[in-house]
Amino acid sequence: MDWKKTLMYGSFAAGAILFLTGRRPAGLAVAGIGVATFAAEHPEKFEEIWHNMPAYIEKGSKFVDMASNFLERMSEQKSGGYRNMPVAGGTRY
């Protein structure tokens, strides 16, 4: 594997990890390095992906909506979670 592929995959992975751990600006910056390397290495593929971006965004938003609906239904099935637990001192704070 050449160094450009390593740079692309490594920056995408590092960006995803940073994004998921709450460091969103740093994650986006590191992932941007991977996107720039990909665009420089494969301009025709990048242009194709760029033109198909609205479809990818729509599919991604549908996935996020399905996941949030699933998590919402899961939380409704539980008995209220930690908010309904009695506190030893009689107050919540």
N, C-alpha and C. Protein backbone atom coordinates (compact mmCIF):
# COMPACT_ATOMS: atom_id res chain seq x y z
N MET A 1 0.85 -1.18 0.00
CA MET A 1 0.00 0.00 0.00
C MET A 1 0.90 1.24 0.00
N ASP A 2 0.61 2.16 -0.88
CA ASP A 2 1.45 3.35 -0.94
C ASP A 2 1.05 4.36 0.14
N TRP A 3 1.85 5.36 0.31
CA TRP A 3 1.68 6.29 1.42
C TRP A 3 0.42 7.14 1.28
N LYS A 4 -0.06 7.39 0.07
CA LYS A 4 -1.28 8.20 -0.11
C LYS A 4 -2.51 7.45 0.38
N LYS A 5 -2.59 6.16 0.09
CA LYS A 5 -3.71 5.36 0.59
C LYS A 5 -3.66 5.27 2.11
N THR A 6 -2.48 5.09 2.64
CA THR A 6 -2.33 5.04 4.09
C THR A 6 -2.77 6.35 4.73
N LEU A 7 -2.39 7.46 4.12
CA LEU A 7 -2.79 8.77 4.63
C LEU A 7 -4.30 8.94 4.57
N MET A 8 -4.93 8.52 3.46
CA MET A 8 -6.38 8.65 3.32
C MET A 8 -7.10 7.81 4.37
N TYR A 9 -6.80 6.52 4.43
CA TYR A 9 -7.48 5.63 5.36
C TYR A 9 -7.21 6.02 6.81
N GLY A 10 -5.99 6.37 7.10
CA GLY A 10 -5.64 6.77 8.47
C GLY A 10 -6.34 8.04 8.90
N SER A 11 -6.43 9.01 8.01
CA SER A 11 -7.10 10.26 8.40
C SER A 11 -8.60 10.07 8.50
N PHE A 12 -9.20 9.22 7.65
CA PHE A 12 -10.63 8.94 7.79
C PHE A 12 -10.91 8.23 9.12
N ALA A 13 -10.08 7.26 9.47
CA ALA A 13 -10.27 6.53 10.72
C ALA A 13 -10.06 7.44 11.93
N ALA A 14 -8.99 8.22 11.90
CA ALA A 14 -8.72 9.12 13.01
C ALA A 14 -9.82 10.18 13.13
N GLY A 15 -10.29 10.68 11.99
CA GLY A 15 -11.38 11.66 12.01
C GLY A 15 -12.64 11.08 12.59
N ALA A 16 -12.96 9.83 12.23
CA ALA A 16 -14.16 9.19 12.77
C ALA A 16 -14.04 8.98 14.27
N ILE A 17 -12.88 8.55 14.72
CA ILE A 17 -12.67 8.35 16.16
C ILE A 17 -12.78 9.67 16.91
N LEU A 18 -12.14 10.71 16.40
CA LEU A 18 -12.22 12.01 17.05
C LEU A 18 -13.65 12.54 17.05
N PHE A 19 -14.36 12.35 15.95
CA PHE A 19 -15.74 12.82 15.85
C PHE A 19 -16.63 12.09 16.85
N LEU A 20 -16.46 10.78 16.98
CA LEU A 20 -17.28 10.00 17.89
C LEU A 20 -16.94 10.23 19.36
N THR A 21 -15.73 10.64 19.64
CA THR A 21 -15.35 10.91 21.03
C THR A 21 -15.66 12.33 21.46
N GLY A 22 -16.32 13.10 20.59
CA GLY A 22 -16.74 14.43 20.97
C GLY A 22 -15.84 15.55 20.50
N ARG A 23 -14.77 15.24 19.85
CA ARG A 23 -13.86 16.26 19.34
C ARG A 23 -14.18 16.52 17.87
N ARG A 24 -15.36 17.06 17.64
CA ARG A 24 -15.87 17.22 16.28
C ARG A 24 -15.02 18.14 15.40
N PRO A 25 -14.61 19.32 15.87
CA PRO A 25 -13.79 20.16 14.98
C PRO A 25 -12.48 19.50 14.55
N ALA A 26 -11.83 18.85 15.49
CA ALA A 26 -10.58 18.16 15.16
C ALA A 26 -10.84 16.98 14.23
N GLY A 27 -11.94 16.26 14.47
CA GLY A 27 -12.28 15.13 13.61
C GLY A 27 -12.56 15.55 12.18
N LEU A 28 -13.29 16.65 12.03
CA LEU A 28 -13.57 17.15 10.69
C LEU A 28 -12.31 17.64 10.00
N ALA A 29 -11.42 18.26 10.74
CA ALA A 29 -10.17 18.74 10.15
C ALA A 29 -9.30 17.58 9.67
N VAL A 30 -9.20 16.54 10.50
CA VAL A 30 -8.37 15.39 10.13
C VAL A 30 -9.01 14.64 8.96
N ALA A 31 -10.34 14.49 8.97
CA ALA A 31 -11.01 13.83 7.85
C ALA A 31 -10.88 14.66 6.58
N GLY A 32 -10.81 15.97 6.71
CA GLY A 32 -10.61 16.84 5.55
C GLY A 32 -9.29 16.59 4.86
N ILE A 33 -8.29 16.21 5.62
CA ILE A 33 -7.00 15.85 5.04
C ILE A 33 -7.16 14.62 4.15
N GLY A 34 -7.94 13.66 4.62
CA GLY A 34 -8.20 12.47 3.82
C GLY A 34 -8.98 12.78 2.55
N VAL A 35 -9.96 13.67 2.67
CA VAL A 35 -10.75 14.06 1.49
C VAL A 35 -9.86 14.78 0.48
N ALA A 36 -9.02 15.66 0.95
CA ALA A 36 -8.12 16.39 0.04
C ALA A 36 -7.15 15.44 -0.65
N THR A 37 -6.64 14.47 0.07
CA THR A 37 -5.73 13.49 -0.52
C THR A 37 -6.47 12.63 -1.55
N PHE A 38 -7.70 12.24 -1.21
CA PHE A 38 -8.51 11.45 -2.15
C PHE A 38 -8.79 12.25 -3.41
N ALA A 39 -9.14 13.53 -3.27
CA ALA A 39 -9.43 14.37 -4.43
C ALA A 39 -8.20 14.56 -5.31
N ALA A 40 -7.04 14.65 -4.70
CA ALA A 40 -5.82 14.82 -5.48
C ALA A 40 -5.41 13.52 -6.19
N GLU A 41 -5.67 12.41 -5.53
CA GLU A 41 -5.26 11.12 -6.09
C GLU A 41 -6.25 10.61 -7.15
N HIS A 42 -7.55 10.81 -6.92
CA HIS A 42 -8.58 10.29 -7.82
C HIS A 42 -9.60 11.39 -8.14
N PRO A 43 -9.25 12.34 -8.98
CA PRO A 43 -10.18 13.45 -9.25
C PRO A 43 -11.47 13.02 -9.94
N GLU A 44 -11.42 12.01 -10.80
CA GLU A 44 -12.64 11.58 -11.49
C GLU A 44 -13.61 10.89 -10.53
N LYS A 45 -13.11 10.09 -9.61
CA LYS A 45 -13.98 9.46 -8.61
C LYS A 45 -14.54 10.50 -7.65
N PHE A 46 -13.71 11.47 -7.28
CA PHE A 46 -14.17 12.51 -6.38
C PHE A 46 -15.29 13.32 -7.02
N GLU A 47 -15.17 13.61 -8.31
CA GLU A 47 -16.21 14.36 -9.02
C GLU A 47 -17.51 13.56 -9.07
N GLU A 48 -17.40 12.26 -9.29
CA GLU A 48 -18.59 11.41 -9.31
C GLU A 48 -19.28 11.40 -7.95
N ILE A 49 -18.50 11.26 -6.89
CA ILE A 49 -19.06 11.28 -5.53
C ILE A 49 -19.68 12.63 -5.24
N TRP A 50 -19.04 13.70 -5.69
CA TRP A 50 -19.55 15.05 -5.46
C TRP A 50 -20.92 15.24 -6.12
N HIS A 51 -21.08 14.71 -7.31
CA HIS A 51 -22.35 14.84 -8.01
C HIS A 51 -23.45 13.98 -7.38
N ASN A 52 -23.07 12.87 -6.76
CA ASN A 52 -24.04 11.99 -6.11
C ASN A 52 -24.26 12.33 -4.63
N MET A 53 -23.64 13.40 -4.15
CA MET A 53 -23.71 13.75 -2.73
C MET A 53 -25.14 13.94 -2.21
N PRO A 54 -26.06 14.59 -2.94
CA PRO A 54 -27.42 14.73 -2.39
C PRO A 54 -28.09 13.38 -2.08
N ALA A 55 -27.87 12.39 -2.92
CA ALA A 55 -28.44 11.07 -2.65
C ALA A 55 -27.81 10.44 -1.41
N TYR A 56 -26.50 10.61 -1.25
CA TYR A 56 -25.83 10.07 -0.07
C TYR A 56 -26.32 10.76 1.20
N ILE A 57 -26.51 12.07 1.13
CA ILE A 57 -27.00 12.80 2.30
C ILE A 57 -28.42 12.37 2.65
N GLU A 58 -29.25 12.16 1.66
CA GLU A 58 -30.63 11.72 1.91
C GLU A 58 -30.64 10.34 2.57
N LYS A 59 -29.83 9.42 2.06
CA LYS A 59 -29.75 8.09 2.66
C LYS A 59 -29.22 8.16 4.09
N GLY A 60 -28.23 9.01 4.31
CA GLY A 60 -27.69 9.16 5.66
C GLY A 60 -28.70 9.75 6.62
N SER A 61 -29.47 10.72 6.17
CA SER A 61 -30.47 11.32 7.05
C SER A 61 -31.59 10.33 7.36
N LYS A 62 -31.95 9.48 6.40
CA LYS A 62 -32.95 8.44 6.66
C LYS A 62 -32.43 7.46 7.71
N PHE A 63 -31.16 7.11 7.60
CA PHE A 63 -30.57 6.19 8.58
C PHE A 63 -30.57 6.80 9.97
N VAL A 64 -30.21 8.07 10.07
CA VAL A 64 -30.18 8.74 11.37
C VAL A 64 -31.60 8.84 11.94
N ASP A 65 -32.59 9.13 11.10
CA ASP A 65 -33.98 9.18 11.56
C ASP A 65 -34.44 7.82 12.07
N MET A 66 -34.10 6.76 11.34
CA MET A 66 -34.49 5.42 11.79
C MET A 66 -33.82 5.07 13.12
N ALA A 67 -32.56 5.42 13.27
CA ALA A 67 -31.85 5.13 14.51
C ALA A 67 -32.44 5.93 15.68
N SER A 68 -32.78 7.19 15.45
CA SER A 68 -33.34 7.99 16.53
C SER A 68 -34.73 7.50 16.90
N ASN A 69 -35.54 7.09 15.91
CA ASN A 69 -36.85 6.52 16.22
C ASN A 69 -36.73 5.23 17.01
N PHE A 70 -35.76 4.40 16.65
CA PHE A 70 -35.53 3.16 17.38
C PHE A 70 -35.14 3.44 18.82
N LEU A 71 -34.21 4.36 19.02
CA LEU A 71 -33.78 4.69 20.38
C LEU A 71 -34.91 5.33 21.18
N GLU A 72 -35.74 6.11 20.52
CA GLU A 72 -36.88 6.72 21.20
C GLU A 72 -37.87 5.66 21.66
N ARG A 73 -38.16 4.68 20.80
CA ARG A 73 -39.06 3.59 21.18
C ARG A 73 -38.47 2.76 22.29
N MET A 74 -37.17 2.54 22.26
CA MET A 74 -36.52 1.77 23.33
C MET A 74 -36.64 2.50 24.67
N SER A 75 -36.48 3.80 24.65
CA SER A 75 -36.56 4.56 25.90
C SER A 75 -38.00 4.63 26.41
N GLU A 76 -38.98 4.60 25.52
CA GLU A 76 -40.38 4.60 25.95
C GLU A 76 -40.75 3.28 26.60
N GLN A 77 -40.15 2.19 26.18
CA GLN A 77 -40.46 0.88 26.74
C GLN A 77 -39.90 0.69 28.13
N LYS A 78 -38.84 1.38 28.43
CA LYS A 78 -38.27 1.28 29.78
C LYS A 78 -39.17 1.98 30.77
N SER A 79 -38.97 1.74 32.02
CA SER A 79 -39.83 2.31 33.05
C SER A 79 -39.39 3.69 33.49
N GLY A 80 -38.89 4.48 32.62
CA GLY A 80 -38.51 5.84 32.97
C GLY A 80 -37.03 6.00 33.24
N GLY A 81 -36.31 4.93 33.41
CA GLY A 81 -34.87 5.03 33.60
C GLY A 81 -34.48 5.57 34.97
N TYR A 82 -33.38 6.26 35.05
CA TYR A 82 -32.84 6.71 36.32
C TYR A 82 -33.63 7.84 36.93
N ARG A 83 -34.46 8.53 36.19
CA ARG A 83 -35.19 9.67 36.74
C ARG A 83 -36.26 9.25 37.73
N ASN A 84 -36.76 8.03 37.66
CA ASN A 84 -37.79 7.57 38.58
C ASN A 84 -37.23 6.80 39.76
N MET A 85 -35.93 6.74 39.90
CA MET A 85 -35.32 6.02 41.02
C MET A 85 -35.36 6.89 42.26
N PRO A 86 -35.74 6.32 43.41
CA PRO A 86 -35.74 7.12 44.64
C PRO A 86 -34.33 7.45 45.09
N VAL A 87 -34.21 8.60 45.68
CA VAL A 87 -32.91 9.05 46.18
C VAL A 87 -32.90 8.88 47.68
N ALA A 88 -31.77 8.47 48.26
CA ALA A 88 -31.69 8.13 49.69
C ALA A 88 -32.02 9.31 50.58
N GLY A 89 -31.64 10.51 50.22
CA GLY A 89 -31.86 11.66 51.08
C GLY A 89 -33.22 12.30 50.92
N GLY A 90 -34.02 11.86 50.00
CA GLY A 90 -35.35 12.42 49.81
C GLY A 90 -35.40 13.53 48.77
N THR A 91 -34.25 14.05 48.36
CA THR A 91 -34.23 15.07 47.32
C THR A 91 -33.34 14.56 46.19
N ARG A 92 -33.54 15.15 45.06
CA ARG A 92 -32.73 14.73 43.91
C ARG A 92 -31.35 15.37 43.90
N TYR A 93 -31.18 16.46 44.61
CA TYR A 93 -29.91 17.19 44.54
C TYR A 93 -29.25 17.15 45.86
